[in-house]
Amino acid sequence: PVSLSSERTLGARSNMAEVERVTESYEGSTDESEDEESEEEPKLKYERLANGVTDILQKDAASCMTVHDKFLALGTHHGKVYLLDIQGNVTQRFDISSVKVNQVSLDESGEHIGICSEDGKVQVVGLYTREGFHENFDSPIKIVALHPQFGRSSSKQFITGANK
């Protein structure tokens, strides 16, 4: 049955005749028609990334990814991070480690990237400058997050997390 709150919502947007029609059609529905409605896939427009992504994924497996308005960053199980344009072309590559990259983080401006890996390495790199920070921990680092204003701030804040 139609709940009172959904009748009120419909009534606020339309007249009572439409509310009654919706109520009648709902009450007259069978389980079969409900199943058909719930099976419909959402219609999304998408394109598969190609170009460099295809080459990367033939040799390695993706372990993490983050998206910015300008590009996306893909970390792999073999310790590499790739910056890709929206067509999937590799624009930059970082050899971080020989083991899995656990997370990639970007600041708001997309000018700095933070990377952590299973061997305890954490790196924060300026994508358009030579600025960078490197830290080694004694346990796998699972999470890294840059402050949204990392590039504009004088304190250069970021956080890391492990299972300990």
C-alpha atoms as a PDB file:
ATOM      1  CA  PRO A   1       0.000   0.000   0.000  1.00  0.00           C
ATOM      2  CA  VAL A   2       1.010   3.592  -0.577  1.00  0.00           C
ATOM      3  CA  SER A   3       2.180   5.288   2.572  1.00  0.00           C
ATOM      4  CA  LEU A   4       0.628   8.494   3.813  1.00  0.00           C
ATOM      5  CA  SER A   5       3.897  10.376   3.407  1.00  0.00           C
ATOM      6  CA  SER A   6       4.199   9.466  -0.276  1.00  0.00           C
ATOM      7  CA  GLU A   7       0.572  10.563  -0.845  1.00  0.00           C
ATOM      8  CA  ARG A   8       1.359  13.909   0.792  1.00  0.00           C
ATOM      9  CA  THR A   9       4.450  14.368  -1.351  1.00  0.00           C
ATOM     10  CA  LEU A  10       2.554  13.573  -4.513  1.00  0.00           C
ATOM     11  CA  GLY A  11      -0.353  15.758  -3.386  1.00  0.00           C
ATOM     12  CA  ALA A  12       1.963  18.695  -2.808  1.00  0.00           C
ATOM     13  CA  ARG A  13       3.174  18.498  -6.402  1.00  0.00           C
ATOM     14  CA  SER A  14      -0.076  17.646  -8.134  1.00  0.00           C
ATOM     15  CA  ASN A  15      -3.808  17.572  -7.649  1.00  0.00           C
ATOM     16  CA  MET A  16      -5.798  14.907  -5.772  1.00  0.00           C
ATOM     17  CA  ALA A  17      -6.974  13.176  -8.963  1.00  0.00           C
ATOM     18  CA  GLU A  18      -3.387  12.314  -9.817  1.00  0.00           C
ATOM     19  CA  VAL A  19      -2.798  11.031  -6.279  1.00  0.00           C
ATOM     20  CA  GLU A  20      -5.827   8.752  -6.599  1.00  0.00           C
ATOM     21  CA  ARG A  21      -4.620   7.475 -10.001  1.00  0.00           C
ATOM     22  CA  VAL A  22      -1.207   6.636  -8.543  1.00  0.00           C
ATOM     23  CA  THR A  23      -2.811   4.924  -5.550  1.00  0.00           C
ATOM     24  CA  GLU A  24      -5.146   2.891  -7.771  1.00  0.00           C
ATOM     25  CA  SER A  25      -2.375   1.817 -10.125  1.00  0.00           C
ATOM     26  CA  TYR A  26      -0.188   0.831  -7.209  1.00  0.00           C
ATOM     27  CA  GLU A  27      -2.928  -1.190  -5.529  1.00  0.00           C
ATOM     28  CA  GLY A  28      -3.718  -2.869  -8.841  1.00  0.00           C
ATOM     29  CA  SER A  29      -0.128  -3.895  -9.471  1.00  0.00           C
ATOM     30  CA  THR A  30       1.060  -7.434  -9.057  1.00  0.00           C
ATOM     31  CA  ASP A  31       4.300  -8.767  -7.739  1.00  0.00           C
ATOM     32  CA  GLU A  32       5.299  -9.544 -11.320  1.00  0.00           C
ATOM     33  CA  SER A  33       5.155  -5.907 -12.461  1.00  0.00           C
ATOM     34  CA  GLU A  34       7.066  -4.820  -9.358  1.00  0.00           C
ATOM     35  CA  ASP A  35       9.834  -7.288 -10.219  1.00  0.00           C
ATOM     36  CA  GLU A  36      10.029  -5.919 -13.762  1.00  0.00           C
ATOM     37  CA  GLU A  37      10.410  -2.368 -12.470  1.00  0.00           C
ATOM     38  CA  SER A  38      13.136  -3.267  -9.982  1.00  0.00           C
ATOM     39  CA  GLU A  39      15.115  -5.218 -12.626  1.00  0.00           C
ATOM     40  CA  GLU A  40      15.529  -2.178 -14.874  1.00  0.00           C
ATOM     41  CA  GLU A  41      19.138  -1.047 -14.969  1.00  0.00           C
ATOM     42  CA  PRO A  42      19.825   2.650 -14.527  1.00  0.00           C
ATOM     43  CA  LYS A  43      20.697   4.244 -17.821  1.00  0.00           C
ATOM     44  CA  LEU A  44      24.156   5.752 -17.530  1.00  0.00           C
ATOM     45  CA  LYS A  45      26.276   7.172 -20.266  1.00  0.00           C
ATOM     46  CA  TYR A  46      29.852   5.996 -19.989  1.00  0.00           C
ATOM     47  CA  GLU A  47      32.904   5.189 -22.030  1.00  0.00           C
ATOM     48  CA  ARG A  48      35.579   2.667 -21.223  1.00  0.00           C
ATOM     49  CA  LEU A  49      39.016   4.108 -20.693  1.00  0.00           C
ATOM     50  CA  ALA A  50      41.398   2.913 -23.352  1.00  0.00           C
ATOM     51  CA  ASN A  51      44.834   3.975 -24.580  1.00  0.00           C
ATOM     52  CA  GLY A  52      47.369   3.728 -21.739  1.00  0.00           C
ATOM     53  CA  VAL A  53      44.957   2.076 -19.320  1.00  0.00           C
ATOM     54  CA  THR A  54      44.697  -0.975 -21.532  1.00  0.00           C
ATOM     55  CA  ASP A  55      48.485  -1.380 -21.573  1.00  0.00           C
ATOM     56  CA  ILE A  56      48.763  -0.866 -17.810  1.00  0.00           C
ATOM     57  CA  LEU A  57      46.071  -3.410 -16.962  1.00  0.00           C
ATOM     58  CA  GLN A  58      47.547  -6.058 -19.281  1.00  0.00           C
ATOM     59  CA  LYS A  59      50.781  -6.034 -17.231  1.00  0.00           C
ATOM     60  CA  ASP A  60      49.542  -5.093 -13.762  1.00  0.00           C
ATOM     61  CA  ALA A  61      46.377  -4.918 -11.649  1.00  0.00           C
ATOM     62  CA  ALA A  62      44.809  -1.735 -10.311  1.00  0.00           C
ATOM     63  CA  SER A  63      44.855  -1.469  -6.521  1.00  0.00           C
ATOM     64  CA  CYS A  64      43.398   2.011  -6.033  1.00  0.00           C
ATOM     65  CA  MET A  65      42.231   5.052  -7.927  1.00  0.00           C
ATOM     66  CA  THR A  66      41.231   8.634  -7.259  1.00  0.00           C
ATOM     67  CA  VAL A  67      39.646  11.156  -9.584  1.00  0.00           C
ATOM     68  CA  HIS A  68      40.187  14.884 -10.028  1.00  0.00           C
ATOM     69  CA  ASP A  69      38.470  17.254 -12.463  1.00  0.00           C
ATOM     70  CA  LYS A  70      41.632  17.375 -14.575  1.00  0.00           C
ATOM     71  CA  PHE A  71      42.861  13.748 -14.427  1.00  0.00           C
ATOM     72  CA  LEU A  72      42.743  10.476 -12.558  1.00  0.00           C
ATOM     73  CA  ALA A  73      45.445   8.685 -10.614  1.00  0.00           C
ATOM     74  CA  LEU A  74      45.727   4.904 -10.720  1.00  0.00           C
ATOM     75  CA  GLY A  75      47.818   2.886  -8.253  1.00  0.00           C
ATOM     76  CA  THR A  76      48.866  -0.687  -9.019  1.00  0.00           C
ATOM     77  CA  HIS A  77      49.852  -3.899  -7.268  1.00  0.00           C
ATOM     78  CA  HIS A  78      53.410  -3.531  -8.588  1.00  0.00           C
ATOM     79  CA  GLY A  79      53.979  -0.204  -6.804  1.00  0.00           C
ATOM     80  CA  LYS A  80      53.399   2.219  -9.659  1.00  0.00           C
ATOM     81  CA  VAL A  81      51.124   5.248  -9.874  1.00  0.00           C
ATOM     82  CA  TYR A  82      49.936   6.560 -13.218  1.00  0.00           C
ATOM     83  CA  LEU A  83      48.337   9.921 -13.900  1.00  0.00           C
ATOM     84  CA  LEU A  84      45.887   9.622 -16.775  1.00  0.00           C
ATOM     85  CA  ASP A  85      43.990  12.222 -18.784  1.00  0.00           C
ATOM     86  CA  ILE A  86      40.256  11.733 -19.362  1.00  0.00           C
ATOM     87  CA  GLN A  87      40.915   9.643 -22.488  1.00  0.00           C
ATOM     88  CA  GLY A  88      43.140   7.256 -20.523  1.00  0.00           C
ATOM     89  CA  ASN A  89      46.506   8.471 -21.826  1.00  0.00           C
ATOM     90  CA  VAL A  90      49.382   8.278 -19.345  1.00  0.00           C
ATOM     91  CA  THR A  91      50.688  11.772 -18.575  1.00  0.00           C
ATOM     92  CA  GLN A  92      52.990  10.906 -15.647  1.00  0.00           C
ATOM     93  CA  ARG A  93      54.304   7.749 -13.985  1.00  0.00           C
ATOM     94  CA  PHE A  94      55.751   7.267 -10.512  1.00  0.00           C
ATOM     95  CA  ASP A  95      57.684   4.153  -9.445  1.00  0.00           C
ATOM     96  CA  ILE A  96      56.914   4.229  -5.747  1.00  0.00           C
ATOM     97  CA  SER A  97      57.610   0.735  -4.544  1.00  0.00           C
ATOM     98  CA  SER A  98      57.830  -2.903  -5.581  1.00  0.00           C
ATOM     99  CA  VAL A  99      54.664  -3.776  -3.655  1.00  0.00           C
ATOM    100  CA  LYS A 100      51.018  -2.726  -3.760  1.00  0.00           C
ATOM    101  CA  VAL A 101      50.023   0.944  -3.634  1.00  0.00           C
ATOM    102  CA  ASN A 102      47.234   1.116  -1.035  1.00  0.00           C
ATOM    103  CA  GLN A 103      45.869   4.606  -1.629  1.00  0.00           C
ATOM    104  CA  VAL A 104      46.349   7.732  -3.677  1.00  0.00           C
ATOM    105  CA  SER A 105      45.176  11.147  -2.469  1.00  0.00           C
ATOM    106  CA  LEU A 106      45.051  14.514  -4.227  1.00  0.00           C
ATOM    107  CA  ASP A 107      44.730  18.016  -2.897  1.00  0.00           C
ATOM    108  CA  GLU A 108      41.846  20.200  -4.045  1.00  0.00           C
ATOM    109  CA  SER A 109      43.892  21.962  -6.715  1.00  0.00           C
ATOM    110  CA  GLY A 110      45.264  18.727  -8.186  1.00  0.00           C
ATOM    111  CA  GLU A 111      48.818  19.977  -7.751  1.00  0.00           C
ATOM    112  CA  HIS A 112      49.973  17.475  -5.108  1.00  0.00           C
ATOM    113  CA  ILE A 113      49.594  13.736  -4.801  1.00  0.00           C
ATOM    114  CA  GLY A 114      49.935  11.592  -1.689  1.00  0.00           C
ATOM    115  CA  ILE A 115      50.767   7.903  -2.103  1.00  0.00           C
ATOM    116  CA  CYS A 116      51.078   5.102   0.456  1.00  0.00           C
ATOM    117  CA  SER A 117      52.109   1.508  -0.036  1.00  0.00           C
ATOM    118  CA  GLU A 118      52.159  -1.883   1.607  1.00  0.00           C
ATOM    119  CA  ASP A 119      55.870  -1.595   2.512  1.00  0.00           C
ATOM    120  CA  GLY A 120      55.272   1.463   4.734  1.00  0.00           C
ATOM    121  CA  LYS A 121      56.350   4.144   2.261  1.00  0.00           C
ATOM    122  CA  VAL A 122      54.484   7.426   2.117  1.00  0.00           C
ATOM    123  CA  GLN A 123      55.287  10.031  -0.500  1.00  0.00           C
ATOM    124  CA  VAL A 124      53.755  13.421  -1.162  1.00  0.00           C
ATOM    125  CA  VAL A 125      54.865  14.923  -4.442  1.00  0.00           C
ATOM    126  CA  GLY A 126      54.224  18.201  -6.218  1.00  0.00           C
ATOM    127  CA  LEU A 127      53.011  17.349  -9.701  1.00  0.00           C
ATOM    128  CA  TYR A 128      54.253  20.617 -11.210  1.00  0.00           C
ATOM    129  CA  THR A 129      57.096  21.409  -8.800  1.00  0.00           C
ATOM    130  CA  ARG A 130      60.076  19.574  -7.323  1.00  0.00           C
ATOM    131  CA  GLU A 131      58.476  19.733  -3.893  1.00  0.00           C
ATOM    132  CA  GLY A 132      58.187  16.388  -2.122  1.00  0.00           C
ATOM    133  CA  PHE A 133      58.056  14.577   1.198  1.00  0.00           C
ATOM    134  CA  HIS A 134      59.068  10.990   1.849  1.00  0.00           C
ATOM    135  CA  GLU A 135      58.518   8.931   4.992  1.00  0.00           C
ATOM    136  CA  ASN A 136      59.127   5.247   5.803  1.00  0.00           C
ATOM    137  CA  PHE A 137      57.111   3.469   8.485  1.00  0.00           C
ATOM    138  CA  ASP A 138      57.691   0.040   9.988  1.00  0.00           C
ATOM    139  CA  SER A 139      54.262  -1.283   8.989  1.00  0.00           C
ATOM    140  CA  PRO A 140      52.046  -1.164   5.892  1.00  0.00           C
ATOM    141  CA  ILE A 141      50.326   2.197   5.504  1.00  0.00           C
ATOM    142  CA  LYS A 142      46.746   1.731   4.356  1.00  0.00           C
ATOM    143  CA  ILE A 143      45.544   5.330   4.101  1.00  0.00           C
ATOM    144  CA  VAL A 144      46.962   8.703   3.148  1.00  0.00           C
ATOM    145  CA  ALA A 145      44.951  11.916   2.865  1.00  0.00           C
ATOM    146  CA  LEU A 146      46.257  15.330   1.931  1.00  0.00           C
ATOM    147  CA  HIS A 147      44.766  18.466   3.400  1.00  0.00           C
ATOM    148  CA  PRO A 148      42.505  19.956   0.691  1.00  0.00           C
ATOM    149  CA  GLN A 149      44.579  23.160   0.721  1.00  0.00           C
ATOM    150  CA  PHE A 150      47.910  21.311   0.896  1.00  0.00           C
ATOM    151  CA  GLY A 151      49.579  23.334  -1.857  1.00  0.00           C
ATOM    152  CA  ARG A 152      48.395  26.686  -0.545  1.00  0.00           C
ATOM    153  CA  SER A 153      49.128  26.058   3.110  1.00  0.00           C
ATOM    154  CA  SER A 154      52.482  26.662   4.755  1.00  0.00           C
ATOM    155  CA  SER A 155      51.947  23.749   7.184  1.00  0.00           C
ATOM    156  CA  LYS A 156      51.706  21.010   4.477  1.00  0.00           C
ATOM    157  CA  GLN A 157      49.376  18.751   6.450  1.00  0.00           C
ATOM    158  CA  PHE A 158      48.577  15.154   5.587  1.00  0.00           C
ATOM    159  CA  ILE A 159      47.526  12.123   7.589  1.00  0.00           C
ATOM    160  CA  THR A 160      48.330   8.430   7.328  1.00  0.00           C
ATOM    161  CA  GLY A 161      46.776   5.325   8.815  1.00  0.00           C
ATOM    162  CA  ALA A 162      47.797   1.728   9.431  1.00  0.00           C
ATOM    163  CA  ASN A 163      46.266  -1.346  11.030  1.00  0.00           C
ATOM    164  CA  LYS A 164      48.233  -0.948  14.281  1.00  0.00           C
END
